[in-house]
N, C-alpha and C. Protein backbone atom coordinates (compact mmCIF):
# COMPACT_ATOMS: atom_id res chain seq x y z
N MET A 1 -7.34 73.08 -92.15
CA MET A 1 -7.88 74.76 -91.57
C MET A 1 -8.76 75.65 -92.48
N ALA A 2 -8.53 75.33 -93.42
CA ALA A 2 -9.42 75.95 -94.51
C ALA A 2 -10.77 75.42 -94.59
N TYR A 3 -10.92 74.42 -93.98
CA TYR A 3 -12.51 73.59 -94.09
C TYR A 3 -13.00 74.38 -93.14
N GLU A 4 -12.51 74.20 -91.60
CA GLU A 4 -13.30 75.08 -90.30
C GLU A 4 -13.08 76.14 -90.58
N LYS A 5 -12.45 77.16 -91.57
CA LYS A 5 -13.30 78.61 -91.41
C LYS A 5 -13.89 78.20 -92.31
N HIS A 6 -14.37 77.91 -93.34
CA HIS A 6 -15.61 77.91 -94.14
C HIS A 6 -16.72 77.14 -93.14
N ILE A 7 -16.35 76.65 -92.31
CA ILE A 7 -17.62 75.62 -91.39
C ILE A 7 -17.98 77.02 -90.43
N GLU A 8 -17.12 77.73 -89.83
CA GLU A 8 -17.74 78.32 -88.92
C GLU A 8 -18.22 79.62 -89.44
N THR A 9 -17.21 80.22 -91.09
CA THR A 9 -18.50 81.23 -91.60
C THR A 9 -19.89 80.87 -92.55
N GLY A 10 -20.06 79.61 -92.15
CA GLY A 10 -21.26 79.29 -92.53
C GLY A 10 -21.16 79.43 -94.38
N ASN A 11 -20.38 79.36 -94.77
CA ASN A 11 -19.75 79.37 -96.55
C ASN A 11 -20.10 77.81 -97.00
N GLU A 12 -21.55 77.14 -96.83
CA GLU A 12 -21.57 76.14 -97.41
C GLU A 12 -21.36 75.43 -99.27
N SER A 13 -21.77 77.01 -99.45
CA SER A 13 -21.34 77.21 -100.77
C SER A 13 -20.36 76.73 -101.74
N VAL A 14 -19.19 77.08 -100.82
CA VAL A 14 -17.85 76.83 -101.28
C VAL A 14 -17.55 75.13 -100.87
N LEU A 15 -18.07 74.97 -99.77
CA LEU A 15 -17.66 73.49 -99.39
C LEU A 15 -18.39 72.59 -99.97
N ALA A 16 -19.77 73.20 -100.88
CA ALA A 16 -20.33 72.31 -101.91
C ALA A 16 -19.82 72.07 -103.16
N CYS A 17 -19.05 73.24 -103.71
CA CYS A 17 -18.10 73.37 -105.05
C CYS A 17 -17.06 72.69 -104.89
N ARG A 18 -16.16 72.01 -103.28
CA ARG A 18 -15.29 71.49 -103.40
C ARG A 18 -15.87 70.20 -103.29
N ALA A 19 -17.15 69.80 -102.75
CA ALA A 19 -17.20 68.35 -102.57
C ALA A 19 -17.78 67.89 -104.21
N ILE A 20 -18.34 68.92 -104.77
CA ILE A 20 -18.68 68.16 -105.98
C ILE A 20 -17.51 67.86 -106.96
N SER A 21 -16.15 68.57 -106.84
CA SER A 21 -15.32 68.25 -107.66
C SER A 21 -14.45 66.93 -107.13
N GLY A 22 -14.95 66.80 -105.67
CA GLY A 22 -14.33 65.53 -105.27
C GLY A 22 -13.48 65.41 -104.20
N ASP A 23 -13.79 66.74 -103.58
CA ASP A 23 -13.07 66.80 -102.17
C ASP A 23 -13.47 66.22 -101.03
N ARG A 24 -13.40 65.25 -100.40
CA ARG A 24 -14.01 64.29 -99.49
C ARG A 24 -14.12 65.16 -97.87
N LYS A 25 -12.77 66.05 -98.06
CA LYS A 25 -12.54 66.34 -96.84
C LYS A 25 -13.86 67.49 -96.42
N ALA A 26 -14.25 68.42 -97.55
CA ALA A 26 -15.36 68.91 -97.97
C ALA A 26 -16.76 68.61 -97.61
N LEU A 27 -17.14 67.21 -98.05
CA LEU A 27 -18.11 66.58 -98.30
C LEU A 27 -18.56 66.23 -96.78
N GLU A 28 -17.38 66.02 -96.35
CA GLU A 28 -17.61 65.38 -94.65
C GLU A 28 -17.85 66.58 -93.33
N ALA A 29 -16.98 67.64 -93.98
CA ALA A 29 -17.68 68.84 -93.39
C ALA A 29 -19.02 69.24 -93.51
N LEU A 30 -19.49 69.21 -94.72
CA LEU A 30 -21.06 69.81 -95.05
C LEU A 30 -21.80 68.34 -94.18
N LEU A 31 -21.74 67.87 -94.17
CA LEU A 31 -22.49 66.21 -93.37
C LEU A 31 -22.22 66.41 -92.13
N HIS A 32 -21.48 66.60 -91.34
CA HIS A 32 -21.20 67.25 -90.64
C HIS A 32 -21.88 68.22 -89.62
N LYS A 33 -21.68 69.62 -90.51
CA LYS A 33 -22.13 70.78 -90.32
C LYS A 33 -23.56 70.45 -90.08
N ASN A 34 -24.32 69.05 -90.71
CA ASN A 34 -26.04 69.59 -90.87
C ASN A 34 -26.30 68.26 -90.69
N TRP A 35 -25.52 67.61 -89.62
CA TRP A 35 -25.89 66.39 -89.19
C TRP A 35 -27.19 66.74 -88.38
N GLN A 36 -27.30 67.75 -87.19
CA GLN A 36 -28.55 67.82 -86.24
C GLN A 36 -29.67 67.83 -87.05
N TRP A 37 -29.39 69.00 -87.65
CA TRP A 37 -31.35 68.66 -88.65
C TRP A 37 -31.22 67.91 -88.97
N MET A 38 -30.65 66.75 -90.16
CA MET A 38 -30.57 65.58 -90.80
C MET A 38 -31.48 64.67 -89.67
N ARG A 39 -30.90 64.34 -88.78
CA ARG A 39 -31.69 63.87 -87.38
C ARG A 39 -32.73 64.38 -87.47
N THR A 40 -33.27 65.38 -87.41
CA THR A 40 -34.60 65.59 -87.29
C THR A 40 -35.53 65.15 -88.10
N VAL A 41 -35.53 65.63 -89.16
CA VAL A 41 -35.80 65.78 -90.53
C VAL A 41 -36.61 63.66 -90.64
N THR A 42 -35.18 62.78 -90.36
CA THR A 42 -35.68 61.96 -90.37
C THR A 42 -36.45 61.15 -89.25
N SER A 43 -35.99 61.84 -88.05
CA SER A 43 -37.03 61.52 -86.98
C SER A 43 -38.37 60.94 -87.04
N GLY A 44 -38.77 62.09 -87.82
CA GLY A 44 -40.08 62.44 -88.67
C GLY A 44 -40.85 61.00 -89.02
N TYR A 45 -40.17 59.98 -89.62
CA TYR A 45 -40.36 58.72 -90.14
C TYR A 45 -40.22 57.90 -89.30
N VAL A 46 -39.55 57.67 -88.40
CA VAL A 46 -39.38 56.07 -88.04
C VAL A 46 -40.73 56.36 -86.41
N ARG A 47 -40.69 55.54 -86.04
CA ARG A 47 -40.93 55.24 -84.69
C ARG A 47 -40.10 54.45 -83.41
N ARG A 48 -38.67 54.18 -83.79
CA ARG A 48 -38.13 54.03 -83.25
C ARG A 48 -36.71 55.04 -83.01
N PHE A 49 -36.37 55.58 -82.42
CA PHE A 49 -35.01 56.40 -83.08
C PHE A 49 -34.20 55.74 -82.88
N HIS A 50 -33.70 54.92 -82.63
CA HIS A 50 -32.69 53.98 -82.50
C HIS A 50 -32.38 53.44 -84.27
N ASP A 51 -33.33 53.62 -84.74
CA ASP A 51 -33.11 53.45 -86.52
C ASP A 51 -32.56 54.86 -87.60
N ILE A 52 -32.91 56.45 -86.34
CA ILE A 52 -32.11 56.88 -87.34
C ILE A 52 -31.17 57.06 -88.00
N ASP A 53 -29.79 56.15 -86.74
CA ASP A 53 -28.54 55.96 -87.56
C ASP A 53 -28.38 55.25 -88.83
N ASP A 54 -29.00 54.07 -88.82
CA ASP A 54 -29.60 53.76 -90.23
C ASP A 54 -29.68 54.11 -91.56
N ILE A 55 -30.13 55.34 -91.31
CA ILE A 55 -31.21 55.95 -92.21
C ILE A 55 -29.99 56.91 -92.15
N LEU A 56 -29.21 57.65 -91.41
CA LEU A 56 -28.54 58.46 -91.98
C LEU A 56 -27.39 57.55 -92.27
N GLN A 57 -27.08 56.70 -92.29
CA GLN A 57 -25.91 56.08 -93.26
C GLN A 57 -25.72 55.68 -94.46
N ASN A 58 -27.68 56.04 -94.41
CA ASN A 58 -28.41 55.21 -95.99
C ASN A 58 -27.81 56.93 -96.43
N VAL A 59 -28.18 57.84 -95.89
CA VAL A 59 -28.33 59.30 -96.54
C VAL A 59 -26.56 59.67 -96.84
N CYS A 60 -25.71 59.72 -96.10
CA CYS A 60 -24.27 59.80 -96.13
C CYS A 60 -23.69 58.89 -97.61
N LEU A 61 -24.45 57.65 -97.81
CA LEU A 61 -23.92 56.88 -99.13
C LEU A 61 -24.89 57.54 -99.97
N ARG A 62 -25.81 57.68 -99.92
CA ARG A 62 -26.35 58.40 -101.12
C ARG A 62 -25.76 59.82 -101.48
N VAL A 63 -25.57 60.84 -100.60
CA VAL A 63 -24.92 62.18 -100.65
C VAL A 63 -23.22 61.53 -101.58
N MET A 64 -22.82 60.79 -100.93
CA MET A 64 -21.37 60.72 -101.57
C MET A 64 -21.70 60.15 -103.08
N LEU A 65 -22.22 59.44 -103.63
CA LEU A 65 -22.96 58.55 -104.39
C LEU A 65 -23.36 59.84 -105.58
N LYS A 66 -24.01 60.55 -105.17
CA LYS A 66 -24.79 61.47 -105.93
C LYS A 66 -24.78 63.24 -105.48
N ILE A 67 -23.32 63.70 -105.21
CA ILE A 67 -23.28 64.62 -104.78
C ILE A 67 -22.81 65.51 -106.41
N HIS A 68 -22.09 64.62 -107.03
CA HIS A 68 -21.69 65.19 -108.31
C HIS A 68 -22.58 65.73 -109.20
N THR A 69 -24.26 65.12 -109.09
CA THR A 69 -25.26 65.48 -109.56
C THR A 69 -25.86 66.95 -108.86
N LEU A 70 -25.28 67.63 -108.24
CA LEU A 70 -25.62 68.57 -107.56
C LEU A 70 -25.52 69.64 -108.43
N ARG A 71 -26.47 70.62 -108.73
CA ARG A 71 -25.95 71.85 -109.72
C ARG A 71 -25.89 73.25 -109.42
N GLU A 72 -26.61 73.25 -108.12
CA GLU A 72 -26.43 74.55 -107.94
C GLU A 72 -25.53 74.26 -106.09
N PRO A 73 -24.58 74.55 -106.18
CA PRO A 73 -24.07 74.47 -104.73
C PRO A 73 -25.03 75.08 -103.88
N GLU A 74 -25.30 76.30 -103.86
CA GLU A 74 -25.35 77.19 -102.86
C GLU A 74 -27.04 77.09 -102.44
N ARG A 75 -27.84 75.53 -103.28
CA ARG A 75 -28.93 74.68 -102.64
C ARG A 75 -28.31 73.67 -101.81
N PHE A 76 -27.76 73.57 -101.80
CA PHE A 76 -27.04 72.51 -101.21
C PHE A 76 -28.00 72.02 -99.89
N LYS A 77 -28.34 72.51 -98.99
CA LYS A 77 -29.25 72.35 -98.04
C LYS A 77 -30.55 71.66 -98.35
N PRO A 78 -31.27 72.22 -99.54
CA PRO A 78 -32.64 71.86 -99.64
C PRO A 78 -32.36 70.65 -100.57
N TRP A 79 -31.14 70.74 -101.17
CA TRP A 79 -30.90 69.11 -102.05
C TRP A 79 -30.64 68.10 -100.64
N LEU A 80 -30.02 68.58 -99.72
CA LEU A 80 -29.54 67.68 -98.90
C LEU A 80 -30.83 66.82 -97.89
N ALA A 81 -32.00 67.89 -97.89
CA ALA A 81 -32.88 67.57 -97.04
C ALA A 81 -33.63 67.12 -98.30
N THR A 82 -33.88 66.80 -98.91
CA THR A 82 -34.72 66.01 -99.89
C THR A 82 -33.90 64.42 -99.91
N ILE A 83 -33.09 64.27 -100.02
CA ILE A 83 -32.28 63.26 -100.06
C ILE A 83 -32.71 62.56 -98.97
N ALA A 84 -32.24 63.06 -97.20
CA ALA A 84 -33.22 62.63 -96.44
C ALA A 84 -34.17 62.47 -95.87
N ARG A 85 -35.68 63.35 -96.69
CA ARG A 85 -36.71 62.47 -96.42
C ARG A 85 -36.94 61.09 -97.56
N ARG A 86 -36.11 60.91 -98.98
CA ARG A 86 -36.67 60.51 -98.88
C ARG A 86 -36.02 58.77 -98.67
N GLU A 87 -34.95 58.95 -98.36
CA GLU A 87 -34.02 57.88 -97.73
C GLU A 87 -34.91 57.20 -96.38
N ALA A 88 -35.73 58.63 -95.71
CA ALA A 88 -36.39 58.33 -94.15
C ALA A 88 -37.47 57.62 -94.45
N MET A 89 -38.31 57.82 -95.85
CA MET A 89 -39.55 57.32 -96.22
C MET A 89 -39.70 55.99 -97.06
N GLU A 90 -38.19 55.60 -97.64
CA GLU A 90 -38.09 54.25 -97.63
C GLU A 90 -37.91 53.44 -96.73
N PHE A 91 -37.18 54.21 -96.32
CA PHE A 91 -37.00 52.95 -94.29
C PHE A 91 -37.85 52.64 -93.84
N ALA A 92 -38.58 53.40 -93.45
CA ALA A 92 -40.58 53.82 -92.85
C ALA A 92 -41.14 52.61 -94.46
N LYS A 93 -40.79 52.06 -95.23
CA LYS A 93 -41.46 51.39 -96.05
C LYS A 93 -41.38 49.68 -95.21
N LYS A 94 -39.90 49.80 -95.17
CA LYS A 94 -39.55 48.42 -95.21
C LYS A 94 -40.09 47.64 -93.92
N PRO A 95 -40.01 46.81 -93.69
CA PRO A 95 -40.70 46.45 -91.68
C PRO A 95 -38.97 45.97 -91.33
N HIS A 96 -39.13 45.63 -89.72
CA HIS A 96 -37.82 46.15 -89.37
C HIS A 96 -38.14 45.08 -88.17
N ILE A 97 -37.11 44.09 -87.56
CA ILE A 97 -37.12 43.95 -86.38
C ILE A 97 -35.77 44.01 -85.51
N SER A 98 -36.51 44.31 -84.35
CA SER A 98 -35.01 44.91 -83.69
C SER A 98 -35.59 44.24 -81.65
N LEU A 99 -34.28 44.09 -81.70
CA LEU A 99 -34.83 43.33 -79.63
C LEU A 99 -34.88 44.53 -79.11
N ALA A 100 -34.52 45.80 -79.61
CA ALA A 100 -35.07 46.94 -78.61
C ALA A 100 -36.25 47.28 -78.65
N ASP A 101 -37.59 46.80 -79.75
CA ASP A 101 -38.86 47.14 -79.38
C ASP A 101 -39.24 46.74 -77.80
N ASP A 102 -38.51 45.88 -76.90
CA ASP A 102 -38.87 45.44 -75.76
C ASP A 102 -38.03 45.91 -75.02
N ALA A 103 -37.65 46.83 -75.25
CA ALA A 103 -36.35 47.14 -74.05
C ALA A 103 -36.83 48.15 -73.52
N GLY A 104 -36.75 48.36 -72.04
CA GLY A 104 -37.73 49.44 -71.06
C GLY A 104 -39.08 48.52 -70.73
N ALA A 105 -39.14 47.41 -71.64
CA ALA A 105 -40.27 47.12 -70.87
C ALA A 105 -39.87 46.08 -69.49
N GLY A 106 -41.19 46.05 -68.51
CA GLY A 106 -40.96 45.56 -67.18
C GLY A 106 -41.73 46.48 -65.92
N PRO A 107 -42.20 45.56 -64.99
CA PRO A 107 -42.47 46.15 -64.14
C PRO A 107 -42.14 47.38 -63.34
N VAL A 108 -42.85 48.69 -63.21
CA VAL A 108 -42.24 50.04 -62.47
C VAL A 108 -41.89 49.75 -60.93
N ALA A 109 -41.02 49.87 -60.57
CA ALA A 109 -40.39 49.87 -59.10
C ALA A 109 -41.33 50.80 -58.46
N ASP A 110 -41.60 50.54 -57.18
CA ASP A 110 -41.83 51.58 -56.31
C ASP A 110 -41.11 52.80 -56.45
N GLY A 111 -42.13 53.91 -56.10
CA GLY A 111 -40.86 55.34 -56.29
C GLY A 111 -40.72 55.60 -57.29
N ALA A 112 -41.38 55.32 -58.37
CA ALA A 112 -40.93 55.62 -59.78
C ALA A 112 -42.22 56.22 -60.34
N ASP A 113 -43.32 56.33 -59.69
CA ASP A 113 -44.58 56.99 -59.97
C ASP A 113 -44.39 58.15 -60.84
N VAL A 114 -43.73 59.30 -60.48
CA VAL A 114 -43.73 59.90 -60.96
C VAL A 114 -42.35 59.81 -62.69
N ASP A 115 -41.71 59.00 -62.23
CA ASP A 115 -41.07 59.02 -63.43
C ASP A 115 -41.75 58.36 -64.80
N ALA A 116 -42.43 57.03 -64.38
CA ALA A 116 -43.65 56.50 -64.99
C ALA A 116 -44.48 57.23 -65.51
N GLN A 117 -45.47 58.35 -65.17
CA GLN A 117 -46.02 59.46 -65.16
C GLN A 117 -45.09 59.99 -66.45
N ARG A 118 -43.83 60.24 -66.19
CA ARG A 118 -43.47 61.37 -66.90
C ARG A 118 -43.05 60.56 -68.53
N ARG A 119 -42.95 59.57 -68.47
CA ARG A 119 -42.07 58.63 -69.42
C ARG A 119 -43.31 58.52 -70.47
N GLU A 120 -44.72 58.15 -69.75
CA GLU A 120 -46.09 58.02 -69.97
C GLU A 120 -46.26 59.38 -71.27
N GLU A 121 -46.29 60.26 -70.60
CA GLU A 121 -46.70 62.03 -70.89
C GLU A 121 -45.64 62.13 -72.47
N GLN A 122 -44.18 61.47 -72.31
CA GLN A 122 -43.62 61.52 -73.35
C GLN A 122 -43.71 60.95 -74.57
N GLN A 123 -44.37 59.76 -74.33
CA GLN A 123 -44.70 58.52 -75.28
C GLN A 123 -46.14 58.85 -75.81
N LEU A 124 -46.66 60.19 -74.93
CA LEU A 124 -47.84 60.48 -75.46
C LEU A 124 -47.83 61.51 -76.69
N VAL A 125 -46.67 62.51 -76.17
CA VAL A 125 -45.99 63.31 -77.19
C VAL A 125 -45.65 62.95 -78.64
N SER A 126 -45.21 62.29 -78.23
CA SER A 126 -43.66 61.32 -79.13
C SER A 126 -45.22 60.87 -80.41
N ALA A 127 -46.29 60.32 -79.58
CA ALA A 127 -46.98 59.39 -80.58
C ALA A 127 -47.78 60.29 -81.11
N ALA A 128 -48.21 61.52 -80.89
CA ALA A 128 -48.93 62.69 -81.24
C ALA A 128 -48.31 63.44 -82.36
N VAL A 129 -46.98 63.42 -81.95
CA VAL A 129 -46.31 64.27 -83.40
C VAL A 129 -45.91 63.19 -84.18
N MET A 130 -45.88 61.57 -84.16
CA MET A 130 -45.86 60.71 -85.35
C MET A 130 -47.30 60.94 -86.12
N GLU A 131 -48.17 61.54 -85.71
CA GLU A 131 -49.67 61.02 -86.44
C GLU A 131 -50.09 62.65 -87.23
N LEU A 132 -49.05 63.63 -86.99
CA LEU A 132 -48.68 65.02 -87.65
C LEU A 132 -48.75 64.54 -88.95
N PRO A 133 -49.33 65.03 -90.30
CA PRO A 133 -48.88 64.86 -91.95
C PRO A 133 -47.53 65.38 -91.31
N GLU A 134 -46.42 64.87 -92.59
CA GLU A 134 -45.26 65.18 -92.75
C GLU A 134 -44.24 66.40 -92.52
N LYS A 135 -45.38 67.24 -93.55
CA LYS A 135 -44.48 69.06 -92.99
C LYS A 135 -45.15 69.50 -91.91
N TYR A 136 -45.72 69.16 -91.47
CA TYR A 136 -46.48 69.73 -90.01
C TYR A 136 -44.92 68.97 -88.93
N ARG A 137 -44.93 68.13 -89.05
CA ARG A 137 -44.14 67.12 -88.15
C ARG A 137 -42.85 67.74 -88.36
N GLN A 138 -41.99 67.64 -89.42
CA GLN A 138 -40.36 68.19 -89.96
C GLN A 138 -40.65 69.80 -88.88
N SER A 139 -41.66 70.71 -89.58
CA SER A 139 -41.59 71.73 -88.85
C SER A 139 -41.55 71.84 -87.48
N LEU A 140 -42.14 71.11 -86.70
CA LEU A 140 -42.43 71.06 -85.64
C LEU A 140 -40.89 70.25 -84.99
N LEU A 141 -40.43 69.51 -85.29
CA LEU A 141 -39.41 68.78 -84.74
C LEU A 141 -38.09 69.72 -85.11
N LEU A 142 -37.96 70.01 -85.95
CA LEU A 142 -36.70 71.27 -86.23
C LEU A 142 -36.89 72.84 -85.56
N LYS A 143 -38.03 73.10 -85.09
CA LYS A 143 -38.39 74.47 -84.52
C LYS A 143 -37.97 74.26 -82.56
N TYR A 144 -39.03 73.44 -82.16
CA TYR A 144 -38.84 72.48 -81.13
C TYR A 144 -38.23 71.82 -80.04
N TYR A 145 -37.78 71.08 -81.09
CA TYR A 145 -36.81 69.68 -80.59
C TYR A 145 -35.57 69.96 -80.37
N HIS A 146 -34.75 71.29 -81.54
CA HIS A 146 -33.89 71.21 -81.91
C HIS A 146 -33.73 73.18 -82.05
N HIS A 147 -34.66 73.90 -81.92
CA HIS A 147 -34.74 75.23 -81.14
C HIS A 147 -34.39 75.96 -82.62
N TYR A 148 -34.32 75.21 -83.75
CA TYR A 148 -33.90 76.18 -85.14
C TYR A 148 -34.83 77.81 -85.40
N SER A 149 -34.28 78.62 -85.93
CA SER A 149 -35.18 79.45 -86.18
C SER A 149 -36.02 79.54 -87.39
N TYR A 150 -36.88 80.14 -87.88
CA TYR A 150 -38.11 80.16 -88.67
C TYR A 150 -37.01 80.39 -89.77
N ASP A 151 -36.01 81.01 -90.27
CA ASP A 151 -35.39 81.17 -91.48
C ASP A 151 -34.58 79.73 -91.15
N GLU A 152 -33.96 79.59 -90.61
CA GLU A 152 -33.25 78.27 -90.36
C GLU A 152 -34.51 77.05 -91.36
N ILE A 153 -35.20 76.75 -90.91
CA ILE A 153 -36.19 76.07 -91.06
C ILE A 153 -36.59 76.09 -92.51
N ALA A 154 -37.06 77.51 -92.87
CA ALA A 154 -36.95 77.64 -94.40
C ALA A 154 -36.14 77.04 -94.94
N GLU A 155 -35.08 77.38 -94.61
CA GLU A 155 -34.06 76.82 -95.48
C GLU A 155 -33.91 75.84 -95.72
N ILE A 156 -33.87 74.74 -94.59
CA ILE A 156 -33.72 73.60 -94.44
C ILE A 156 -34.93 72.48 -95.52
N LEU A 157 -36.12 73.43 -95.47
CA LEU A 157 -37.04 72.86 -95.52
C LEU A 157 -37.59 73.31 -97.53
N ASP A 158 -36.66 74.19 -97.54
CA ASP A 158 -37.09 75.09 -99.03
C ASP A 158 -38.27 75.53 -98.92
N ILE A 159 -38.69 75.94 -97.71
CA ILE A 159 -39.77 76.97 -98.17
C ILE A 159 -39.70 78.29 -97.33
N THR A 160 -40.57 79.24 -97.60
CA THR A 160 -40.76 80.81 -97.12
C THR A 160 -40.96 80.29 -95.52
N SER A 161 -40.24 81.86 -94.66
CA SER A 161 -40.81 81.98 -93.46
C SER A 161 -42.12 82.49 -92.86
N ALA A 162 -42.61 82.66 -93.55
CA ALA A 162 -44.03 82.63 -94.20
C ALA A 162 -44.75 81.59 -93.41
N ALA A 163 -43.98 80.15 -94.34
CA ALA A 163 -44.37 78.85 -94.72
C ALA A 163 -44.49 77.95 -93.29
N VAL A 164 -43.15 78.59 -92.76
CA VAL A 164 -42.90 77.71 -91.96
C VAL A 164 -43.70 78.17 -90.39
N GLN A 165 -44.14 79.59 -90.60
CA GLN A 165 -44.84 79.91 -89.01
C GLN A 165 -46.22 79.55 -89.66
N SER A 166 -46.77 79.14 -90.65
CA SER A 166 -48.18 78.57 -90.85
C SER A 166 -48.33 77.15 -90.42
N ARG A 167 -47.26 76.41 -90.63
CA ARG A 167 -47.46 74.72 -90.79
C ARG A 167 -46.92 75.14 -88.90
N LEU A 168 -46.29 75.94 -88.29
CA LEU A 168 -46.15 75.76 -86.68
C LEU A 168 -47.47 75.91 -86.33
N PHE A 169 -48.12 76.34 -86.81
CA PHE A 169 -49.54 77.23 -86.37
C PHE A 169 -50.35 76.20 -86.13
N ARG A 170 -50.67 75.61 -87.28
CA ARG A 170 -51.30 74.10 -87.67
C ARG A 170 -50.92 73.12 -86.81
N ALA A 171 -49.21 73.27 -86.57
CA ALA A 171 -48.98 71.99 -86.50
C ALA A 171 -49.56 71.58 -84.38
N ARG A 172 -49.32 73.11 -83.81
CA ARG A 172 -49.40 73.36 -82.39
C ARG A 172 -51.07 72.61 -82.33
N LYS A 173 -52.16 73.26 -83.33
CA LYS A 173 -53.30 73.31 -83.00
C LYS A 173 -53.42 71.90 -83.41
N MET A 174 -52.75 70.94 -84.06
CA MET A 174 -53.10 69.74 -84.60
C MET A 174 -52.56 68.93 -83.36
N MET A 175 -51.58 69.23 -82.60
CA MET A 175 -50.99 68.79 -81.45
C MET A 175 -51.86 68.35 -80.41
N ALA A 176 -52.90 69.82 -79.89
CA ALA A 176 -53.41 70.05 -79.14
C ALA A 176 -54.60 69.28 -78.98
N ALA A 177 -54.84 69.21 -80.42
CA ALA A 177 -56.69 68.28 -80.81
C ALA A 177 -56.34 66.84 -80.19
N ILE A 178 -55.38 66.10 -80.97
CA ILE A 178 -54.58 65.19 -80.52
C ILE A 178 -54.89 64.71 -79.00
N LEU A 179 -53.39 65.53 -78.17
CA LEU A 179 -53.45 65.18 -77.06
C LEU A 179 -54.86 65.34 -76.31
N GLU A 180 -55.75 66.03 -76.92
CA GLU A 180 -56.61 66.21 -76.32
C GLU A 180 -57.67 65.14 -76.01
N LYS A 181 -57.72 64.06 -77.14
CA LYS A 181 -58.24 63.01 -77.03
C LYS A 181 -57.39 61.60 -76.60
N LYS A 182 -56.32 62.34 -76.19
CA LYS A 182 -55.72 60.87 -75.20
C LYS A 182 -55.18 61.01 -73.77
N PRO A 183 -55.85 61.18 -72.68
CA PRO A 183 -55.63 62.33 -71.33
C PRO A 183 -54.71 60.64 -70.88
N ILE A 184 -53.83 61.75 -70.31
CA ILE A 184 -52.59 61.12 -69.55
C ILE A 184 -53.31 60.46 -68.26
N HIS A 185 -52.96 59.43 -68.09
CA HIS A 185 -53.61 58.44 -66.83
C HIS A 185 -52.79 58.65 -65.47
N LYS A 186 -53.49 59.71 -64.66
CA LYS A 186 -52.81 60.25 -63.57
C LYS A 186 -52.54 58.73 -62.56
N ILE A 187 -51.22 58.91 -61.77
CA ILE A 187 -50.98 57.44 -60.98
C ILE A 187 -51.17 58.01 -59.23
N PRO A 188 -52.03 57.18 -59.27
CA PRO A 188 -52.23 57.73 -57.29
C PRO A 188 -51.49 57.91 -56.78
N ARG A 189 -51.10 59.04 -55.81
CA ARG A 189 -50.18 59.15 -54.94
C ARG A 189 -51.12 58.30 -53.34
N GLY A 190 -50.17 57.43 -52.73
CA GLY A 190 -50.84 56.84 -51.52
C GLY A 190 -50.32 57.46 -50.49
């Protein structure tokens, strides 16, 4: 019950202190509380979103093994973000083969023109996001996919709110330039 209270009040420092001293429930609570933004941070490194779970499993293992090295419990979130980024970069370097790469391939049924166009647009936007440099991609994903505030993004990435604003401004400009070069194929309506 005490853990739920700390989660509700956002007191990560207390949970981090407990986790450092070996409290597994506190560590689980910290990971659970930060799970969503960790998914976002790691998703910026992979082309297949089903790989994110593998990366997060590696992050959890690394955190369990390294929590005792955290010297400043109040900086748990930036520490965790660093681990998540490193694990995602390591994962991205290794070749991976998956049957899921071919999932969804096949002919588009009649009457699915709008859905096909929507999927194509989503693929173009996702590909454009992946072309962004890491720091811009992370900020953009945290803001527009998970709707974090500038202050929350700043805390996660361990930068200032002004830096977040600057990164998002630049990311939007880069996205516009990338997407301008990749026109969407309009499906004729008959």
